[in-house]
Protein backbone atom coordinates (compact mmCIF):
# COMPACT_ATOMS: atom_id res chain seq x y z
CA UNK A 1 0.00 0.00 0.00
CA UNK A 2 1.57 3.33 -1.03
CA UNK A 3 2.39 5.67 1.85
CA UNK A 4 0.26 8.50 0.42
CA UNK A 5 -2.79 6.20 0.33
CA UNK A 6 -2.08 4.99 3.85
CA UNK A 7 -1.77 8.55 5.16
CA UNK A 8 -5.00 9.60 3.42
CA UNK A 9 -6.87 6.63 4.87
CA UNK A 10 -5.51 7.40 8.35
CA UNK A 11 -6.62 11.02 7.98
CA UNK A 12 -10.14 9.90 7.03
CA UNK A 13 -10.17 7.53 10.04
CA UNK A 14 -9.24 10.44 12.36
CA UNK A 15 -12.08 12.54 10.90
CA UNK A 16 -14.53 9.68 11.37
CA UNK A 17 -13.38 9.35 14.98
CA UNK A 18 -14.15 13.06 15.47
CA UNK A 19 -17.67 12.86 14.04
CA UNK A 20 -18.53 9.40 15.36
CA UNK A 21 -20.06 10.77 18.63
CA UNK A 22 -22.62 12.73 16.60
CA UNK A 23 -23.49 9.66 14.53
CA UNK A 24 -23.57 7.54 17.69
CA UNK A 25 -26.17 9.87 19.22
CA UNK A 26 -28.47 8.76 16.43
CA UNK A 27 -27.77 5.08 17.15
CA UNK A 28 -25.51 4.58 14.15
CA UNK A 29 -21.94 4.18 13.08
CA UNK A 30 -19.78 4.79 10.03
CA UNK A 31 -16.62 3.14 8.76
CA UNK A 32 -14.50 3.09 5.63
CA UNK A 33 -15.51 0.43 3.13
CA UNK A 34 -12.97 1.43 0.51
CA UNK A 35 -10.89 4.33 -0.76
CA UNK A 36 -9.72 4.25 -4.36
CA UNK A 37 -8.63 7.02 -6.72
CA UNK A 38 -9.99 9.71 -4.41
CA UNK A 39 -13.42 8.09 -4.12
CA UNK A 40 -14.38 7.21 -0.58
CA UNK A 41 -17.03 4.59 0.20
CA UNK A 42 -18.42 4.48 3.71
CA UNK A 43 -20.40 1.74 5.40
CA UNK A 44 -23.39 2.84 7.45
CA UNK A 45 -24.32 0.73 10.45
CA UNK A 46 -26.89 0.58 13.22
CA UNK A 47 -29.89 2.87 13.09
CA UNK A 48 -28.41 4.76 10.12
CA UNK A 49 -29.13 1.88 7.76
CA UNK A 50 -32.42 2.64 6.06
CA UNK A 51 -33.00 5.86 8.01
CA UNK A 52 -34.54 8.55 5.78
CA UNK A 53 -32.45 11.20 7.57
CA UNK A 54 -29.11 9.39 7.09
CA UNK A 55 -28.31 11.28 3.89
CA UNK A 56 -28.83 14.61 5.61
CA UNK A 57 -26.89 13.64 8.74
CA UNK A 58 -24.00 12.21 6.77
CA UNK A 59 -23.98 15.03 4.24
CA UNK A 60 -23.99 17.77 6.85
CA UNK A 61 -21.74 16.10 9.41
CA UNK A 62 -19.51 13.45 7.86
CA UNK A 63 -19.10 14.50 4.24
CA UNK A 64 -18.72 18.22 4.98
CA UNK A 65 -16.07 17.50 7.61
CA UNK A 66 -14.11 15.22 5.29
CA UNK A 67 -14.19 17.77 2.47
CA UNK A 68 -13.25 20.58 4.89
CA UNK A 69 -10.12 18.70 5.93
CA UNK A 70 -9.14 16.96 2.71
CA UNK A 71 -10.48 19.23 -0.03
CA UNK A 72 -9.76 17.86 -3.48
CA UNK A 73 -7.99 14.74 -2.19
CA UNK A 74 -11.43 13.13 -1.81
CA UNK A 75 -13.57 13.73 -4.86
CA UNK A 76 -16.75 12.00 -3.79
CA UNK A 77 -18.09 10.32 -0.72
CA UNK A 78 -20.51 7.44 -1.30
CA UNK A 79 -22.46 5.51 1.27
CA UNK A 80 -22.88 1.84 0.45
CA UNK A 81 -26.60 2.07 1.05
CA UNK A 82 -26.88 4.52 -1.88
CA UNK A 83 -24.62 2.65 -4.31
CA UNK A 84 -25.52 -0.31 -6.50
CA UNK A 85 -23.70 -3.55 -5.77
CA UNK A 86 -21.96 -3.63 -9.19
CA UNK A 87 -20.59 -0.10 -8.78
CA UNK A 88 -19.49 -0.79 -5.21
CA UNK A 89 -17.74 -4.00 -6.25
CA UNK A 90 -15.83 -2.09 -8.96
CA UNK A 91 -14.44 0.32 -6.36
CA UNK A 92 -13.84 -2.12 -3.51
CA UNK A 93 -10.75 -3.75 -4.97
């Protein structure tokens, strides 16, 4: 694993650790599913799965924080729940 990728992934993990208490208040959790070519896929867990407000919570809290910190290093943030299995499989390698 290239060092730049490793550092980027660690940075995302630190951001998720910062926002996790907010997500936890809603009975959910978030973790990295994959990170490839600047596209970040996150796994939703707990009460966030299937919640109609998950997109808003994650957009306003998680995605905004990641983009604040990492800018153009992360082009898009996808949540597995919103992504088709074929597309997810293509990016999970």
